[in-house]
N, C-alpha and C. Protein backbone atom coordinates (compact mmCIF):
# COMPACT_ATOMS: atom_id res chain seq x y z
N MET A 1 -28.51 -5.42 -2.12
CA MET A 1 -27.06 -4.87 -2.25
C MET A 1 -26.16 -5.62 -1.19
N ILE A 2 -25.04 -6.13 -1.91
CA ILE A 2 -24.26 -6.98 -1.26
C ILE A 2 -23.24 -6.37 -0.18
N ALA A 3 -23.14 -5.07 -0.35
CA ALA A 3 -22.26 -4.16 0.49
C ALA A 3 -22.96 -3.98 1.92
N LEU A 4 -24.09 -3.80 1.84
CA LEU A 4 -24.90 -3.48 3.21
C LEU A 4 -24.71 -4.40 4.36
N PRO A 5 -24.63 -5.62 4.23
CA PRO A 5 -24.09 -6.49 5.45
C PRO A 5 -22.67 -6.10 6.04
N ALA A 6 -21.91 -5.82 4.93
CA ALA A 6 -20.53 -5.32 5.27
C ALA A 6 -20.56 -3.94 5.98
N CYS A 7 -21.21 -3.09 5.55
CA CYS A 7 -21.43 -1.93 6.30
C CYS A 7 -22.00 -2.05 7.63
N ALA A 8 -22.99 -2.98 7.73
CA ALA A 8 -23.61 -3.36 9.08
C ALA A 8 -22.56 -3.89 10.21
N CYS A 9 -21.88 -4.57 9.50
CA CYS A 9 -20.69 -5.26 10.41
C CYS A 9 -19.67 -4.03 10.90
N SER A 10 -19.38 -3.27 9.75
CA SER A 10 -18.54 -2.26 10.39
C SER A 10 -19.14 -1.23 11.17
N LEU A 11 -20.50 -0.89 11.04
CA LEU A 11 -20.98 -0.09 12.06
C LEU A 11 -21.12 -0.55 13.27
N THR A 12 -21.40 -1.95 13.35
CA THR A 12 -21.29 -2.52 14.66
C THR A 12 -20.07 -2.75 15.44
N ASP A 13 -18.94 -2.81 14.58
CA ASP A 13 -17.55 -2.72 15.16
C ASP A 13 -17.36 -1.28 15.72
N SER A 14 -17.84 -0.36 15.00
CA SER A 14 -17.75 1.08 15.49
C SER A 14 -18.39 1.36 16.87
N VAL A 15 -19.52 0.99 16.77
CA VAL A 15 -20.46 1.14 18.02
C VAL A 15 -19.88 0.34 19.28
N SER A 16 -19.43 -1.03 18.96
CA SER A 16 -18.95 -1.42 20.20
C SER A 16 -17.55 -1.00 20.54
N THR A 17 -16.86 -0.28 19.55
CA THR A 17 -15.48 0.33 19.93
C THR A 17 -15.94 1.72 20.96
N LEU A 18 -17.03 2.52 20.35
CA LEU A 18 -17.32 3.67 21.19
C LEU A 18 -17.90 3.20 22.66
N LEU A 19 -18.57 2.28 22.60
CA LEU A 19 -19.37 1.86 23.85
C LEU A 19 -18.26 1.07 24.87
N GLY A 20 -17.06 0.60 24.44
CA GLY A 20 -16.13 0.11 25.21
C GLY A 20 -15.11 1.13 25.44
N GLN A 21 -15.17 2.33 25.31
CA GLN A 21 -14.16 3.14 25.70
C GLN A 21 -14.16 3.65 27.15
N PRO A 22 -13.26 3.82 27.95
CA PRO A 22 -13.09 4.14 29.36
C PRO A 22 -14.02 5.37 29.70
N THR A 23 -14.53 5.64 30.79
CA THR A 23 -15.32 6.72 31.05
C THR A 23 -14.42 8.04 30.86
N THR A 24 -13.11 8.10 31.00
CA THR A 24 -12.37 9.10 30.91
C THR A 24 -12.34 9.63 29.28
N TYR A 25 -12.76 8.62 28.33
CA TYR A 25 -12.60 9.16 26.89
C TYR A 25 -13.50 10.44 26.54
N TRP A 26 -14.73 10.32 27.36
CA TRP A 26 -15.76 11.25 26.84
C TRP A 26 -15.20 12.82 27.42
N SER A 27 -14.29 12.80 28.48
CA SER A 27 -13.91 14.16 28.83
C SER A 27 -12.44 14.30 28.19
N ASP A 28 -11.77 13.40 27.85
CA ASP A 28 -10.16 13.41 27.38
C ASP A 28 -10.22 12.22 26.07
N PRO A 29 -10.55 12.63 24.87
CA PRO A 29 -10.61 11.69 23.80
C PRO A 29 -9.19 10.98 23.61
N ALA A 30 -8.10 11.57 24.02
CA ALA A 30 -6.61 10.92 23.98
C ALA A 30 -6.73 9.59 24.70
N THR A 31 -7.52 9.29 25.60
CA THR A 31 -7.45 8.23 26.46
C THR A 31 -8.15 7.02 25.62
N GLY A 32 -8.69 7.26 24.35
CA GLY A 32 -9.44 6.20 23.61
C GLY A 32 -8.45 4.97 23.28
N HIS A 33 -9.26 3.93 23.13
CA HIS A 33 -8.48 2.64 22.68
C HIS A 33 -8.90 1.99 21.53
N GLU A 34 -8.02 1.88 20.27
CA GLU A 34 -8.47 1.39 19.11
C GLU A 34 -7.21 0.75 18.51
N ASN A 35 -7.33 -0.37 17.78
CA ASN A 35 -6.18 -1.25 17.34
C ASN A 35 -5.84 -0.60 15.98
N ASN A 36 -6.78 -0.30 15.32
CA ASN A 36 -6.71 0.31 13.73
C ASN A 36 -6.01 1.56 13.90
N PRO A 37 -4.81 1.81 13.39
CA PRO A 37 -4.16 3.30 13.31
C PRO A 37 -5.03 4.28 12.90
N MET A 38 -5.56 4.11 11.66
CA MET A 38 -6.29 5.25 11.22
C MET A 38 -7.53 5.61 11.94
N PHE A 39 -8.10 4.60 12.59
CA PHE A 39 -9.31 4.87 13.12
C PHE A 39 -9.06 5.25 14.72
N ALA A 40 -7.69 4.97 15.14
CA ALA A 40 -7.34 5.24 16.32
C ALA A 40 -7.09 6.92 16.30
N TRP A 41 -6.57 7.37 15.32
CA TRP A 41 -6.37 8.70 15.14
C TRP A 41 -7.68 9.59 15.26
N LEU A 42 -8.68 9.02 14.48
CA LEU A 42 -10.00 9.57 14.48
C LEU A 42 -10.60 9.49 15.91
N LEU A 43 -10.45 8.31 16.51
CA LEU A 43 -10.98 8.24 17.93
C LEU A 43 -10.39 9.25 18.84
N HIS A 44 -9.17 9.51 18.67
CA HIS A 44 -8.32 10.48 19.49
C HIS A 44 -8.65 11.91 19.16
N ALA A 45 -9.22 12.25 17.81
CA ALA A 45 -9.66 13.52 17.50
C ALA A 45 -10.97 13.69 18.32
N GLY A 46 -11.92 12.72 18.57
CA GLY A 46 -13.05 12.96 19.12
C GLY A 46 -14.00 11.99 18.52
N PRO A 47 -15.12 11.65 19.28
CA PRO A 47 -16.05 10.89 18.91
C PRO A 47 -16.66 11.33 17.45
N GLY A 48 -16.96 12.58 17.27
CA GLY A 48 -17.57 13.06 16.28
C GLY A 48 -16.75 12.74 14.86
N TRP A 49 -15.55 13.01 15.00
CA TRP A 49 -14.61 12.55 13.87
C TRP A 49 -14.52 11.20 13.67
N PHE A 50 -14.63 10.24 14.76
CA PHE A 50 -14.70 8.83 14.55
C PHE A 50 -15.92 8.49 13.73
N VAL A 51 -17.11 9.03 14.30
CA VAL A 51 -18.38 8.78 13.40
C VAL A 51 -18.24 9.11 11.84
N VAL A 52 -17.61 10.33 11.63
CA VAL A 52 -17.58 10.85 10.30
C VAL A 52 -16.52 9.68 9.58
N GLY A 53 -15.59 9.35 10.13
CA GLY A 53 -14.61 8.50 9.59
C GLY A 53 -15.34 6.95 9.30
N GLU A 54 -16.17 6.65 10.27
CA GLU A 54 -17.21 5.28 9.74
C GLU A 54 -17.91 5.55 8.71
N LEU A 55 -18.47 6.69 8.57
CA LEU A 55 -19.49 6.95 7.41
C LEU A 55 -18.81 7.10 6.08
N VAL A 56 -17.61 7.65 6.19
CA VAL A 56 -16.82 7.70 4.93
C VAL A 56 -16.27 6.27 4.54
N TRP A 57 -16.04 5.47 5.51
CA TRP A 57 -15.44 4.10 5.61
C TRP A 57 -16.71 3.27 4.63
N CYS A 58 -17.92 3.40 5.35
CA CYS A 58 -19.07 2.87 4.60
C CYS A 58 -19.29 3.28 3.17
N ALA A 59 -19.14 4.42 2.97
CA ALA A 59 -19.06 4.98 1.56
C ALA A 59 -18.23 4.19 0.61
N VAL A 60 -16.97 4.08 1.18
CA VAL A 60 -15.80 3.30 0.41
C VAL A 60 -16.29 1.96 0.06
N ILE A 61 -16.76 1.32 1.20
CA ILE A 61 -16.97 -0.26 0.95
C ILE A 61 -18.06 -0.14 -0.08
N ILE A 62 -19.31 0.54 -0.08
CA ILE A 62 -20.12 0.52 -1.02
C ILE A 62 -19.72 0.75 -2.43
N GLY A 63 -19.01 1.89 -2.48
CA GLY A 63 -18.41 2.18 -3.82
C GLY A 63 -17.58 1.21 -4.42
N VAL A 64 -16.66 0.53 -3.65
CA VAL A 64 -15.63 -0.62 -3.93
C VAL A 64 -16.41 -1.80 -4.32
N VAL A 65 -17.27 -2.24 -3.47
CA VAL A 65 -18.13 -3.38 -3.69
C VAL A 65 -18.95 -3.33 -5.06
N THR A 66 -19.75 -2.06 -5.25
CA THR A 66 -20.46 -2.07 -6.34
C THR A 66 -19.70 -1.93 -7.72
N MET A 67 -18.48 -1.41 -7.74
CA MET A 67 -17.80 -1.18 -8.90
C MET A 67 -17.12 -2.57 -9.26
N LEU A 68 -16.80 -3.34 -8.46
CA LEU A 68 -16.15 -4.68 -8.74
C LEU A 68 -17.07 -5.58 -9.42
N PRO A 69 -16.39 -6.33 -10.17
CA PRO A 69 -17.20 -7.44 -10.75
C PRO A 69 -17.59 -8.65 -10.08
N GLY A 70 -18.86 -9.11 -10.35
CA GLY A 70 -19.21 -10.39 -9.73
C GLY A 70 -18.58 -11.02 -8.54
N ILE A 71 -17.69 -11.88 -8.55
CA ILE A 71 -16.97 -12.81 -7.41
C ILE A 71 -16.15 -11.84 -6.70
N LEU A 72 -15.41 -10.92 -7.31
CA LEU A 72 -14.76 -10.07 -6.41
C LEU A 72 -15.30 -9.33 -5.61
N SER A 73 -16.53 -8.63 -6.13
CA SER A 73 -17.39 -7.95 -5.20
C SER A 73 -17.89 -8.77 -3.87
N LEU A 74 -18.08 -10.02 -4.16
CA LEU A 74 -18.72 -10.96 -3.04
C LEU A 74 -17.48 -11.02 -2.09
N LEU A 75 -16.36 -11.23 -2.72
CA LEU A 75 -15.14 -11.72 -1.93
C LEU A 75 -14.61 -10.57 -1.01
N VAL A 76 -14.69 -9.26 -1.51
CA VAL A 76 -14.53 -8.14 -0.79
C VAL A 76 -15.54 -7.89 0.23
N ALA A 77 -16.83 -8.21 0.10
CA ALA A 77 -17.97 -7.85 1.06
C ALA A 77 -17.74 -8.74 2.09
N VAL A 78 -17.39 -10.00 1.71
CA VAL A 78 -17.32 -11.16 2.93
C VAL A 78 -15.95 -10.89 3.85
N ALA A 79 -14.82 -10.43 3.09
CA ALA A 79 -13.75 -10.00 3.77
C ALA A 79 -14.00 -8.82 4.64
N VAL A 80 -14.54 -7.92 4.28
CA VAL A 80 -14.80 -6.72 5.11
C VAL A 80 -15.69 -7.08 6.36
N SER A 81 -16.84 -8.12 6.01
CA SER A 81 -17.58 -8.45 7.09
C SER A 81 -16.95 -9.41 8.23
N ILE A 82 -16.07 -10.16 7.62
CA ILE A 82 -15.27 -10.95 8.60
C ILE A 82 -14.50 -10.17 9.37
N GLY A 83 -13.78 -9.16 8.92
CA GLY A 83 -12.84 -8.34 9.54
C GLY A 83 -13.55 -7.64 10.55
N HIS A 84 -14.56 -7.01 10.22
CA HIS A 84 -15.22 -6.25 11.24
C HIS A 84 -16.04 -6.86 12.34
N THR A 85 -16.57 -8.20 11.86
CA THR A 85 -17.17 -9.05 13.03
C THR A 85 -16.00 -9.37 14.05
N TYR A 86 -14.92 -9.80 13.42
CA TYR A 86 -13.72 -9.84 14.49
C TYR A 86 -13.36 -8.81 15.49
N GLY A 87 -13.43 -7.53 14.72
CA GLY A 87 -13.27 -6.42 15.62
C GLY A 87 -14.14 -6.07 16.27
N ALA A 88 -15.53 -6.19 16.04
CA ALA A 88 -16.43 -6.08 17.06
C ALA A 88 -16.37 -7.04 18.35
N LEU A 89 -15.90 -8.14 18.11
CA LEU A 89 -15.81 -9.05 19.15
C LEU A 89 -14.59 -9.07 20.01
N THR A 90 -13.74 -8.06 19.59
CA THR A 90 -12.53 -8.13 20.28
C THR A 90 -12.40 -6.76 21.11
């Protein structure tokens, strides 16, 4: 399934985001750092909500890539993979 590498990149991005939080984040989630506004909101709500948001995002990736025809599904999967690889590295 072409969407799985994209989800793996997204999960890697999220794990690196959580591991890169300041130590104060774990007692005060409002101190979290995330550049994506939607995920910043989830990160500030707490790590549990951030993980739930990531799982929902992976479900969306799988759904969209599965429903798109041929080359479009490949393009979306590659774009998501590139975007989250960049996110994981920054």
